[in-house]
């Protein structure tokens, strides 16, 4: 069972996409947890950037999360944001995906080829560990690519069947209204992911 299903009542109430000072965020796990308690946010999911070759101590990151769970009256989830590679694999070691509560995937730098994109997306959606598609559609928009509605509908039906969430990403105001409407029709579930890089973005 996907981790998010245990906390489905908090999908739109919690904050499910947070970056810390371990990578490109400004604040610590502890800083975010303090802020969440002050604001009454019931759940925080830390989704630190990962690569197959990590540039930081991932175990220390997880230890920070464990300490926060003990210290705060708050649901604190460990997670990672993994980049999709052109072959449809994720730029992360499987041991990390197995270790964290909430792995999410995203398209960042990627070939501007819609067929390569679709093949990679189809492969990622078969990954049993991924919980959420982060900032969906942003890469396509930046690359000037477009998914035909029939393909998008097919993709959303696969998301629904595989219990993968669509992130409502505040940083990029994504996905589009058209995507949201079609995803709802295809019975995809949504999750709030503000893509926080500092505590002020936790609201």
N, C-alpha and C. Protein backbone atom coordinates (compact mmCIF):
# COMPACT_ATOMS: atom_id res chain seq x y z
N UNK A 1 0.84 -1.20 0.00
CA UNK A 1 0.00 0.00 0.00
C UNK A 1 0.88 1.25 0.00
N UNK A 2 0.51 2.23 -0.82
CA UNK A 2 1.25 3.48 -0.85
C UNK A 2 1.10 4.21 0.49
N UNK A 3 2.19 4.82 0.94
CA UNK A 3 2.20 5.48 2.25
C UNK A 3 1.10 6.53 2.38
N UNK A 4 0.85 7.27 1.30
CA UNK A 4 -0.13 8.37 1.40
C UNK A 4 -1.51 7.89 1.81
N UNK A 5 -1.83 6.63 1.52
CA UNK A 5 -3.17 6.13 1.83
C UNK A 5 -3.42 6.09 3.34
N UNK A 6 -2.35 5.94 4.13
CA UNK A 6 -2.51 5.94 5.59
C UNK A 6 -2.90 7.32 6.10
N UNK A 7 -2.59 8.34 5.33
CA UNK A 7 -2.80 9.72 5.77
C UNK A 7 -3.68 10.49 4.78
N UNK A 8 -4.60 9.78 4.14
CA UNK A 8 -5.37 10.40 3.06
C UNK A 8 -6.21 11.58 3.52
N UNK A 9 -6.56 11.62 4.81
CA UNK A 9 -7.35 12.76 5.29
C UNK A 9 -6.54 14.05 5.32
N UNK A 10 -5.21 13.93 5.17
CA UNK A 10 -4.35 15.11 5.24
C UNK A 10 -3.79 15.52 3.87
N UNK A 11 -4.29 14.93 2.79
CA UNK A 11 -3.71 15.20 1.48
C UNK A 11 -3.72 16.68 1.11
N UNK A 12 -4.78 17.37 1.49
CA UNK A 12 -4.89 18.80 1.16
C UNK A 12 -4.69 19.69 2.38
N UNK A 13 -4.46 19.08 3.53
CA UNK A 13 -4.26 19.84 4.77
C UNK A 13 -2.80 19.87 5.19
N UNK A 14 -2.06 18.83 4.84
CA UNK A 14 -0.65 18.77 5.17
C UNK A 14 0.19 19.48 4.12
N UNK A 15 1.49 19.46 4.34
CA UNK A 15 2.44 19.99 3.34
C UNK A 15 3.35 18.84 2.92
N UNK A 16 3.22 18.43 1.65
CA UNK A 16 3.80 17.20 1.18
C UNK A 16 5.01 17.38 0.25
N UNK A 17 5.59 18.58 0.21
CA UNK A 17 6.75 18.79 -0.67
C UNK A 17 7.62 19.87 -0.05
N UNK A 18 8.67 19.44 0.66
CA UNK A 18 9.55 20.36 1.39
C UNK A 18 11.01 20.03 1.12
N UNK A 19 11.80 21.08 0.84
CA UNK A 19 13.25 20.94 0.68
C UNK A 19 13.96 21.67 1.81
N UNK A 20 14.99 21.06 2.30
CA UNK A 20 15.73 21.59 3.45
C UNK A 20 17.12 22.08 3.02
N UNK A 21 17.87 22.51 4.01
CA UNK A 21 19.23 22.99 3.75
C UNK A 21 20.20 21.85 3.40
N UNK A 22 19.72 20.62 3.41
CA UNK A 22 20.58 19.54 2.92
C UNK A 22 20.83 19.69 1.41
N UNK A 23 19.87 20.30 0.69
CA UNK A 23 20.11 20.57 -0.74
C UNK A 23 19.88 22.06 -1.01
N UNK A 24 18.81 22.41 -1.70
CA UNK A 24 18.65 23.81 -2.11
C UNK A 24 17.64 24.59 -1.27
N UNK A 25 17.23 24.04 -0.13
CA UNK A 25 16.37 24.78 0.79
C UNK A 25 17.19 25.62 1.75
N UNK A 26 16.50 26.50 2.47
CA UNK A 26 17.21 27.42 3.37
C UNK A 26 17.16 27.00 4.84
N UNK A 27 16.23 26.10 5.19
CA UNK A 27 15.99 25.81 6.61
C UNK A 27 16.11 24.33 6.92
N UNK A 28 16.20 24.04 8.22
CA UNK A 28 16.38 22.67 8.68
C UNK A 28 15.04 21.96 8.85
N UNK A 29 15.11 20.66 9.03
CA UNK A 29 13.92 19.87 9.36
C UNK A 29 13.25 20.43 10.61
N UNK A 30 14.05 20.73 11.62
CA UNK A 30 13.53 21.26 12.87
C UNK A 30 12.81 22.60 12.66
N UNK A 31 13.37 23.48 11.85
CA UNK A 31 12.75 24.78 11.57
C UNK A 31 11.35 24.60 10.97
N UNK A 32 11.25 23.70 10.01
CA UNK A 32 9.96 23.47 9.36
C UNK A 32 8.94 22.88 10.34
N UNK A 33 9.38 21.97 11.18
CA UNK A 33 8.46 21.34 12.13
C UNK A 33 7.95 22.36 13.14
N UNK A 34 8.82 23.23 13.61
CA UNK A 34 8.38 24.31 14.51
C UNK A 34 7.32 25.16 13.84
N UNK A 35 7.58 25.53 12.61
CA UNK A 35 6.64 26.37 11.85
C UNK A 35 5.31 25.64 11.65
N UNK A 36 5.36 24.35 11.32
CA UNK A 36 4.13 23.59 11.10
C UNK A 36 3.28 23.56 12.36
N UNK A 37 3.91 23.34 13.51
CA UNK A 37 3.17 23.31 14.78
C UNK A 37 2.55 24.68 15.06
N UNK A 38 3.31 25.74 14.82
CA UNK A 38 2.78 27.10 15.03
C UNK A 38 1.55 27.37 14.16
N UNK A 39 1.58 26.87 12.94
CA UNK A 39 0.50 27.13 11.99
C UNK A 39 -0.66 26.13 12.10
N UNK A 40 -0.42 25.04 12.82
CA UNK A 40 -1.45 24.00 12.90
C UNK A 40 -1.51 23.10 11.68
N UNK A 41 -0.41 23.04 10.93
CA UNK A 41 -0.33 22.11 9.80
C UNK A 41 -0.10 20.71 10.37
N UNK A 42 -0.98 19.74 10.08
CA UNK A 42 -0.92 18.46 10.78
C UNK A 42 0.14 17.48 10.30
N UNK A 43 0.64 17.69 9.08
CA UNK A 43 1.56 16.71 8.49
C UNK A 43 2.57 17.45 7.62
N UNK A 44 3.83 17.06 7.72
CA UNK A 44 4.86 17.56 6.81
C UNK A 44 5.61 16.37 6.22
N UNK A 45 5.84 16.43 4.91
CA UNK A 45 6.60 15.40 4.21
C UNK A 45 7.85 16.05 3.61
N UNK A 46 9.00 15.60 4.04
CA UNK A 46 10.26 16.13 3.53
C UNK A 46 10.66 15.32 2.29
N UNK A 47 10.82 16.02 1.18
CA UNK A 47 11.06 15.37 -0.11
C UNK A 47 12.37 15.90 -0.70
N UNK A 48 13.46 15.56 -0.04
CA UNK A 48 14.75 16.11 -0.44
C UNK A 48 15.18 15.59 -1.80
N UNK A 49 15.84 16.46 -2.57
CA UNK A 49 16.38 16.05 -3.86
C UNK A 49 17.39 14.92 -3.66
N UNK A 50 17.36 13.99 -4.58
CA UNK A 50 18.31 12.87 -4.53
C UNK A 50 18.91 12.65 -5.92
N UNK A 51 20.04 12.00 -5.92
CA UNK A 51 20.68 11.52 -7.14
C UNK A 51 21.27 10.15 -6.80
N UNK A 52 21.68 9.42 -7.81
CA UNK A 52 22.31 8.12 -7.52
C UNK A 52 23.60 8.32 -6.75
N UNK A 53 24.27 9.44 -7.01
CA UNK A 53 25.48 9.78 -6.23
C UNK A 53 25.12 11.00 -5.40
N UNK A 54 24.87 10.78 -4.13
CA UNK A 54 24.42 11.85 -3.25
C UNK A 54 25.58 12.75 -2.84
N UNK A 55 25.27 14.04 -2.70
CA UNK A 55 26.29 15.01 -2.30
C UNK A 55 26.15 15.39 -0.83
N UNK A 56 25.29 14.70 -0.10
CA UNK A 56 25.09 14.99 1.32
C UNK A 56 24.84 13.69 2.06
N UNK A 57 24.81 13.79 3.39
CA UNK A 57 24.65 12.60 4.24
C UNK A 57 23.16 12.29 4.39
N UNK A 58 22.68 11.33 3.63
CA UNK A 58 21.25 11.01 3.65
C UNK A 58 20.84 10.41 4.99
N UNK A 59 21.73 9.68 5.62
CA UNK A 59 21.41 9.12 6.93
C UNK A 59 21.22 10.21 7.98
N UNK A 60 22.02 11.26 7.89
CA UNK A 60 21.86 12.39 8.82
C UNK A 60 20.51 13.07 8.60
N UNK A 61 20.11 13.20 7.35
CA UNK A 61 18.80 13.75 7.00
C UNK A 61 17.67 12.92 7.64
N UNK A 62 17.77 11.60 7.52
CA UNK A 62 16.76 10.73 8.12
C UNK A 62 16.78 10.79 9.65
N UNK A 63 17.96 10.94 10.21
CA UNK A 63 18.07 11.07 11.67
C UNK A 63 17.40 12.35 12.16
N UNK A 64 17.54 13.43 11.40
CA UNK A 64 16.85 14.68 11.74
C UNK A 64 15.33 14.47 11.77
N UNK A 65 14.84 13.72 10.80
CA UNK A 65 13.40 13.45 10.73
C UNK A 65 12.97 12.59 11.91
N UNK A 66 13.76 11.59 12.26
CA UNK A 66 13.43 10.74 13.42
C UNK A 66 13.38 11.56 14.71
N UNK A 67 14.31 12.48 14.88
CA UNK A 67 14.31 13.33 16.06
C UNK A 67 13.06 14.22 16.10
N UNK A 68 12.70 14.74 14.95
CA UNK A 68 11.52 15.60 14.88
C UNK A 68 10.25 14.84 15.24
N UNK A 69 10.18 13.59 14.84
CA UNK A 69 9.00 12.77 15.19
C UNK A 69 8.86 12.62 16.70
N UNK A 70 9.97 12.50 17.37
CA UNK A 70 9.95 12.35 18.82
C UNK A 70 9.63 13.66 19.53
N UNK A 71 10.03 14.75 18.93
CA UNK A 71 9.95 16.05 19.60
C UNK A 71 8.62 16.77 19.38
N UNK A 72 7.99 16.57 18.22
CA UNK A 72 6.82 17.38 17.87
C UNK A 72 5.55 16.53 17.76
N UNK A 73 4.44 17.15 18.13
CA UNK A 73 3.13 16.52 17.97
C UNK A 73 2.67 16.78 16.54
N UNK A 74 3.21 15.98 15.64
CA UNK A 74 3.11 16.26 14.22
C UNK A 74 3.42 14.97 13.46
N UNK A 75 2.72 14.75 12.35
CA UNK A 75 3.08 13.64 11.47
C UNK A 75 4.23 14.10 10.58
N UNK A 76 5.35 13.42 10.67
CA UNK A 76 6.55 13.80 9.92
C UNK A 76 6.97 12.62 9.04
N UNK A 77 6.94 12.83 7.74
CA UNK A 77 7.28 11.76 6.80
C UNK A 77 8.63 12.04 6.14
N UNK A 78 9.39 10.97 5.96
CA UNK A 78 10.62 11.06 5.18
C UNK A 78 10.29 10.83 3.72
N UNK A 79 11.01 11.51 2.85
CA UNK A 79 10.74 11.33 1.43
C UNK A 79 11.89 11.79 0.58
N UNK A 80 11.69 11.71 -0.72
CA UNK A 80 12.70 12.18 -1.67
C UNK A 80 12.00 12.58 -2.97
N UNK A 81 12.63 13.50 -3.67
CA UNK A 81 12.18 13.87 -5.01
C UNK A 81 13.22 13.37 -6.00
N UNK A 82 12.83 12.39 -6.81
CA UNK A 82 13.75 11.75 -7.74
C UNK A 82 13.48 12.21 -9.18
N UNK A 83 14.54 12.47 -9.87
CA UNK A 83 14.47 12.95 -11.25
C UNK A 83 14.28 11.77 -12.21
N UNK A 84 13.38 11.95 -13.20
CA UNK A 84 13.16 10.94 -14.22
C UNK A 84 14.27 11.04 -15.27
N UNK A 85 14.87 9.90 -15.60
CA UNK A 85 15.90 9.83 -16.62
C UNK A 85 15.28 9.41 -17.96
N UNK A 86 15.95 9.68 -19.08
CA UNK A 86 15.35 9.39 -20.39
C UNK A 86 14.94 7.94 -20.61
N UNK A 87 15.59 7.00 -19.91
CA UNK A 87 15.21 5.59 -20.07
C UNK A 87 14.03 5.20 -19.17
N UNK A 88 13.50 6.18 -18.42
CA UNK A 88 12.34 5.90 -17.58
C UNK A 88 12.67 5.39 -16.20
N UNK A 89 13.97 5.30 -15.89
CA UNK A 89 14.35 4.98 -14.52
C UNK A 89 14.47 6.29 -13.73
N UNK A 90 14.65 6.16 -12.43
CA UNK A 90 14.81 7.33 -11.57
C UNK A 90 16.26 7.47 -11.15
N UNK A 91 16.70 8.71 -11.04
CA UNK A 91 18.09 8.99 -10.67
C UNK A 91 18.26 8.88 -9.16
N UNK A 92 18.07 7.67 -8.67
CA UNK A 92 18.17 7.40 -7.24
C UNK A 92 18.38 5.90 -7.06
N UNK A 93 19.12 5.54 -6.04
CA UNK A 93 19.32 4.14 -5.72
C UNK A 93 18.03 3.56 -5.14
N UNK A 94 17.69 2.35 -5.53
CA UNK A 94 16.46 1.72 -5.02
C UNK A 94 16.44 1.63 -3.50
N UNK A 95 17.60 1.53 -2.89
CA UNK A 95 17.63 1.43 -1.42
C UNK A 95 17.04 2.68 -0.77
N UNK A 96 17.21 3.84 -1.41
CA UNK A 96 16.61 5.07 -0.89
C UNK A 96 15.10 5.02 -1.02
N UNK A 97 14.61 4.57 -2.18
CA UNK A 97 13.16 4.48 -2.40
C UNK A 97 12.51 3.55 -1.38
N UNK A 98 13.21 2.49 -1.03
CA UNK A 98 12.67 1.53 -0.06
C UNK A 98 12.72 2.07 1.37
N UNK A 99 13.66 2.98 1.61
CA UNK A 99 13.93 3.46 2.96
C UNK A 99 12.96 4.55 3.41
N UNK A 100 12.55 5.40 2.47
CA UNK A 100 11.73 6.56 2.85
C UNK A 100 10.25 6.24 2.77
N UNK A 101 9.46 7.12 3.42
CA UNK A 101 8.01 6.94 3.43
C UNK A 101 7.36 7.37 2.12
N UNK A 102 7.89 8.43 1.53
CA UNK A 102 7.13 9.13 0.49
C UNK A 102 8.02 9.56 -0.67
N UNK A 103 8.34 8.65 -1.60
CA UNK A 103 9.11 9.03 -2.78
C UNK A 103 8.19 9.68 -3.83
N UNK A 104 8.66 10.78 -4.41
CA UNK A 104 7.94 11.41 -5.50
C UNK A 104 8.87 11.54 -6.70
N UNK A 105 8.31 11.71 -7.89
CA UNK A 105 9.14 11.84 -9.08
C UNK A 105 8.81 13.13 -9.81
N UNK A 106 9.79 13.62 -10.57
CA UNK A 106 9.62 14.86 -11.32
C UNK A 106 10.48 14.84 -12.57
N UNK A 107 10.03 15.57 -13.58
CA UNK A 107 10.83 15.79 -14.77
C UNK A 107 11.55 17.12 -14.61
N UNK A 108 12.87 17.09 -14.74
CA UNK A 108 13.67 18.30 -14.68
C UNK A 108 14.36 18.47 -16.05
N UNK A 109 15.66 18.37 -16.10
CA UNK A 109 16.33 18.38 -17.41
C UNK A 109 16.00 17.05 -18.10
N UNK A 110 15.56 17.17 -19.36
CA UNK A 110 15.06 15.99 -20.05
C UNK A 110 15.04 16.31 -21.55
N UNK A 111 15.19 15.30 -22.42
CA UNK A 111 15.12 15.57 -23.87
C UNK A 111 13.76 16.16 -24.26
N UNK A 112 13.80 17.10 -25.20
CA UNK A 112 12.55 17.72 -25.68
C UNK A 112 11.96 16.86 -26.79
N UNK A 113 11.50 15.70 -26.40
CA UNK A 113 10.95 14.71 -27.34
C UNK A 113 9.75 14.07 -26.68
N UNK A 114 8.57 14.28 -27.23
CA UNK A 114 7.34 13.83 -26.57
C UNK A 114 7.26 12.30 -26.50
N UNK A 115 7.80 11.61 -27.49
CA UNK A 115 7.77 10.14 -27.46
C UNK A 115 8.68 9.59 -26.36
N UNK A 116 9.87 10.17 -26.24
CA UNK A 116 10.79 9.76 -25.17
C UNK A 116 10.15 10.06 -23.81
N UNK A 117 9.51 11.22 -23.71
CA UNK A 117 8.84 11.62 -22.47
C UNK A 117 7.75 10.62 -22.08
N UNK A 118 6.91 10.27 -23.04
CA UNK A 118 5.80 9.35 -22.74
C UNK A 118 6.31 7.97 -22.36
N UNK A 119 7.31 7.48 -23.08
CA UNK A 119 7.88 6.17 -22.74
C UNK A 119 8.46 6.18 -21.33
N UNK A 120 9.17 7.26 -20.99
CA UNK A 120 9.76 7.37 -19.65
C UNK A 120 8.67 7.46 -18.59
N UNK A 121 7.65 8.25 -18.86
CA UNK A 121 6.55 8.39 -17.90
C UNK A 121 5.85 7.06 -17.68
N UNK A 122 5.58 6.33 -18.74
CA UNK A 122 4.94 5.02 -18.61
C UNK A 122 5.78 4.09 -17.74
N UNK A 123 7.10 4.16 -17.91
CA UNK A 123 7.98 3.30 -17.12
C UNK A 123 7.96 3.69 -15.64
N UNK A 124 8.02 4.99 -15.37
CA UNK A 124 8.00 5.47 -13.99
C UNK A 124 6.70 5.08 -13.29
N UNK A 125 5.60 5.15 -14.00
CA UNK A 125 4.31 4.84 -13.39
C UNK A 125 4.17 3.37 -13.00
N UNK A 126 5.08 2.55 -13.50
CA UNK A 126 5.09 1.13 -13.09
C UNK A 126 5.97 0.91 -11.86
N UNK A 127 6.68 1.96 -11.44
CA UNK A 127 7.56 1.83 -10.27
C UNK A 127 6.69 1.70 -9.02
N UNK A 128 6.83 0.63 -8.25
CA UNK A 128 5.93 0.41 -7.11
C UNK A 128 6.14 1.37 -5.94
N UNK A 129 7.27 2.09 -5.94
CA UNK A 129 7.58 2.94 -4.79
C UNK A 129 7.04 4.36 -4.90
N UNK A 130 6.87 4.86 -6.12
CA UNK A 130 6.51 6.26 -6.25
C UNK A 130 5.09 6.52 -5.77
N UNK A 131 4.92 7.62 -5.06
CA UNK A 131 3.62 8.02 -4.52
C UNK A 131 2.98 9.15 -5.30
N UNK A 132 3.80 10.04 -5.88
CA UNK A 132 3.25 11.28 -6.43
C UNK A 132 4.06 11.78 -7.61
N UNK A 133 3.36 12.39 -8.56
CA UNK A 133 3.97 13.10 -9.67
C UNK A 133 4.09 14.56 -9.26
N UNK A 134 5.32 15.02 -9.06
CA UNK A 134 5.57 16.38 -8.59
C UNK A 134 5.57 17.38 -9.74
N UNK A 135 5.11 18.59 -9.47
CA UNK A 135 4.89 19.68 -10.44
C UNK A 135 4.59 19.14 -11.85
N UNK A 136 3.46 18.43 -11.98
CA UNK A 136 3.12 17.78 -13.26
C UNK A 136 2.86 18.80 -14.36
N UNK A 137 3.41 18.52 -15.52
CA UNK A 137 3.18 19.36 -16.69
C UNK A 137 4.12 20.53 -16.85
N UNK A 138 4.92 20.84 -15.82
CA UNK A 138 5.78 22.02 -15.88
C UNK A 138 6.87 21.86 -16.94
N UNK A 139 7.50 20.70 -16.96
CA UNK A 139 8.55 20.49 -17.97
C UNK A 139 7.97 20.61 -19.38
N UNK A 140 6.81 20.02 -19.62
CA UNK A 140 6.20 20.07 -20.95
C UNK A 140 5.97 21.52 -21.38
N UNK A 141 5.45 22.32 -20.47
CA UNK A 141 5.17 23.71 -20.79
C UNK A 141 6.47 24.46 -21.12
N UNK A 142 7.49 24.26 -20.30
CA UNK A 142 8.76 24.95 -20.53
C UNK A 142 9.42 24.50 -21.83
N UNK A 143 9.21 23.23 -22.18
CA UNK A 143 9.83 22.68 -23.40
C UNK A 143 8.99 22.94 -24.64
N UNK A 144 7.81 23.51 -24.47
CA UNK A 144 6.93 23.76 -25.61
C UNK A 144 6.33 22.49 -26.18
N UNK A 145 6.17 21.48 -25.33
CA UNK A 145 5.58 20.21 -25.76
C UNK A 145 4.14 20.11 -25.26
N UNK A 146 3.37 19.25 -25.92
CA UNK A 146 1.96 19.12 -25.55
C UNK A 146 1.55 17.66 -25.60
N UNK A 147 0.81 17.24 -24.57
CA UNK A 147 0.25 15.89 -24.56
C UNK A 147 -1.18 15.96 -25.09
N UNK A 148 -1.48 15.23 -26.15
CA UNK A 148 -2.87 15.19 -26.63
C UNK A 148 -3.80 14.68 -25.52
N UNK A 149 -5.04 15.13 -25.55
CA UNK A 149 -5.97 14.79 -24.46
C UNK A 149 -6.16 13.29 -24.32
N UNK A 150 -6.17 12.56 -25.43
CA UNK A 150 -6.37 11.11 -25.31
C UNK A 150 -5.19 10.45 -24.60
N UNK A 151 -3.96 10.95 -24.85
CA UNK A 151 -2.79 10.41 -24.16
C UNK A 151 -2.81 10.79 -22.69
N UNK A 152 -3.18 12.04 -22.43
CA UNK A 152 -3.23 12.50 -21.05
C UNK A 152 -4.27 11.72 -20.26
N UNK A 153 -5.40 11.47 -20.86
CA UNK A 153 -6.45 10.68 -20.22
C UNK A 153 -5.95 9.28 -19.91
N UNK A 154 -5.22 8.69 -20.85
CA UNK A 154 -4.66 7.35 -20.62
C UNK A 154 -3.69 7.37 -19.45
N UNK A 155 -2.82 8.39 -19.42
CA UNK A 155 -1.83 8.51 -18.34
C UNK A 155 -2.53 8.66 -16.99
N UNK A 156 -3.55 9.50 -16.94
CA UNK A 156 -4.26 9.72 -15.67
C UNK A 156 -4.95 8.44 -15.20
N UNK A 157 -5.45 7.65 -16.11
CA UNK A 157 -6.09 6.38 -15.73
C UNK A 157 -5.05 5.41 -15.14
N UNK A 158 -3.83 5.45 -15.67
CA UNK A 158 -2.75 4.62 -15.12
C UNK A 158 -2.39 5.12 -13.72
N UNK A 159 -2.31 6.44 -13.54
CA UNK A 159 -2.05 7.00 -12.21
C UNK A 159 -3.09 6.51 -11.22
N UNK A 160 -4.35 6.61 -11.60
CA UNK A 160 -5.44 6.19 -10.72
C UNK A 160 -5.33 4.71 -10.37
N UNK A 161 -5.08 3.88 -11.38
CA UNK A 161 -4.99 2.44 -11.16
C UNK A 161 -3.82 2.08 -10.26
N UNK A 162 -2.72 2.87 -10.35
CA UNK A 162 -1.52 2.58 -9.57
C UNK A 162 -1.43 3.39 -8.28
N UNK A 163 -2.52 4.11 -7.95
CA UNK A 163 -2.61 4.87 -6.70
C UNK A 163 -1.48 5.90 -6.57
N UNK A 164 -1.20 6.58 -7.68
CA UNK A 164 -0.21 7.65 -7.71
C UNK A 164 -0.93 8.99 -7.74
N UNK A 165 -0.51 9.89 -6.89
CA UNK A 165 -1.17 11.18 -6.73
C UNK A 165 -0.67 12.20 -7.75
N UNK A 166 -1.52 13.20 -8.00
CA UNK A 166 -1.12 14.40 -8.74
C UNK A 166 -0.89 15.51 -7.73
N UNK A 167 0.26 16.14 -7.81
CA UNK A 167 0.57 17.21 -6.88
C UNK A 167 -0.01 18.54 -7.35
N UNK A 168 -0.64 19.25 -6.44
CA UNK A 168 -1.06 20.63 -6.67
C UNK A 168 0.09 21.51 -6.19
N UNK A 169 0.92 21.93 -7.13
CA UNK A 169 2.19 22.56 -6.81
C UNK A 169 2.05 24.07 -6.80
N UNK A 170 2.22 24.67 -5.64
CA UNK A 170 2.04 26.11 -5.49
C UNK A 170 3.17 26.91 -6.12
N UNK A 171 4.38 26.39 -6.11
CA UNK A 171 5.52 27.13 -6.65
C UNK A 171 5.33 27.42 -8.14
N UNK A 172 4.84 26.44 -8.88
CA UNK A 172 4.70 26.57 -10.32
C UNK A 172 3.25 26.74 -10.77
N UNK A 173 2.35 26.81 -9.79
CA UNK A 173 0.92 26.90 -10.11
C UNK A 173 0.53 25.79 -11.11
N UNK A 174 0.92 24.59 -10.77
CA UNK A 174 0.70 23.44 -11.65
C UNK A 174 -0.06 22.35 -10.89
N UNK A 175 -0.81 21.53 -11.62
CA UNK A 175 -1.02 21.52 -13.06
C UNK A 175 -2.04 22.57 -13.50
N UNK A 176 -2.27 22.63 -14.79
CA UNK A 176 -3.24 23.58 -15.34
C UNK A 176 -4.66 23.17 -14.95
N UNK A 177 -5.57 24.11 -15.09
CA UNK A 177 -6.99 23.82 -14.79
C UNK A 177 -7.51 22.70 -15.67
N UNK A 178 -7.07 22.67 -16.91
CA UNK A 178 -7.52 21.62 -17.83
C UNK A 178 -7.04 20.24 -17.35
N UNK A 179 -5.80 20.19 -16.90
CA UNK A 179 -5.28 18.92 -16.37
C UNK A 179 -6.04 18.50 -15.11
N UNK A 180 -6.30 19.46 -14.23
CA UNK A 180 -7.02 19.15 -12.99
C UNK A 180 -8.40 18.59 -13.29
N UNK A 181 -9.10 19.22 -14.23
CA UNK A 181 -10.45 18.78 -14.59
C UNK A 181 -10.42 17.36 -15.16
N UNK A 182 -9.48 17.08 -16.04
CA UNK A 182 -9.38 15.75 -16.64
C UNK A 182 -8.94 14.72 -15.60
N UNK A 183 -8.02 15.10 -14.73
CA UNK A 183 -7.57 14.17 -13.69
C UNK A 183 -8.72 13.80 -12.75
N UNK A 184 -9.53 14.77 -12.40
CA UNK A 184 -10.70 14.48 -11.56
C UNK A 184 -11.63 13.49 -12.27
N UNK A 185 -11.86 13.71 -13.55
CA UNK A 185 -12.72 12.83 -14.33
C UNK A 185 -12.17 11.40 -14.33
N UNK A 186 -10.84 11.30 -14.36
CA UNK A 186 -10.18 9.98 -14.37
C UNK A 186 -9.97 9.43 -12.96
N UNK A 187 -10.50 10.11 -11.97
CA UNK A 187 -10.48 9.67 -10.57
C UNK A 187 -9.07 9.58 -9.98
N UNK A 188 -8.25 10.55 -10.34
CA UNK A 188 -6.92 10.68 -9.74
C UNK A 188 -7.07 11.49 -8.45
N UNK A 189 -6.34 11.12 -7.42
CA UNK A 189 -6.34 11.88 -6.17
C UNK A 189 -5.26 12.96 -6.21
N UNK A 190 -5.51 14.05 -5.46
CA UNK A 190 -4.61 15.19 -5.43
C UNK A 190 -3.97 15.35 -4.06
N UNK A 191 -2.79 15.98 -4.06
CA UNK A 191 -2.08 16.24 -2.81
C UNK A 191 -1.50 17.64 -2.88
N UNK A 192 -1.49 18.32 -1.75
CA UNK A 192 -0.90 19.66 -1.70
C UNK A 192 0.61 19.56 -1.56
N UNK A 193 1.31 20.16 -2.52
CA UNK A 193 2.77 20.19 -2.48
C UNK A 193 3.27 21.56 -2.85
N UNK A 194 3.57 22.37 -1.86
CA UNK A 194 3.95 23.76 -2.13
C UNK A 194 5.37 23.90 -2.64
N UNK A 195 6.17 22.81 -2.56
CA UNK A 195 7.55 22.87 -3.03
C UNK A 195 8.33 23.90 -2.22
N UNK A 196 8.18 23.81 -0.90
CA UNK A 196 8.79 24.79 0.00
C UNK A 196 10.31 24.71 -0.04
N UNK A 197 10.94 25.88 -0.14
CA UNK A 197 12.40 25.97 -0.03
C UNK A 197 12.82 26.85 1.15
N UNK A 198 11.84 27.39 1.88
CA UNK A 198 12.11 28.14 3.12
C UNK A 198 10.85 28.08 3.98
N UNK A 199 11.00 28.32 5.28
CA UNK A 199 9.86 28.15 6.19
C UNK A 199 8.73 29.12 5.89
N UNK A 200 9.06 30.29 5.31
CA UNK A 200 8.01 31.27 5.00
C UNK A 200 7.03 30.75 3.95
N UNK A 201 7.48 29.75 3.17
CA UNK A 201 6.60 29.19 2.13
C UNK A 201 5.69 28.09 2.68
N UNK A 202 5.88 27.72 3.92
CA UNK A 202 4.99 26.76 4.59
C UNK A 202 3.81 27.54 5.16
N UNK A 203 2.62 27.27 4.65
CA UNK A 203 1.44 28.06 5.04
C UNK A 203 0.28 27.15 5.43
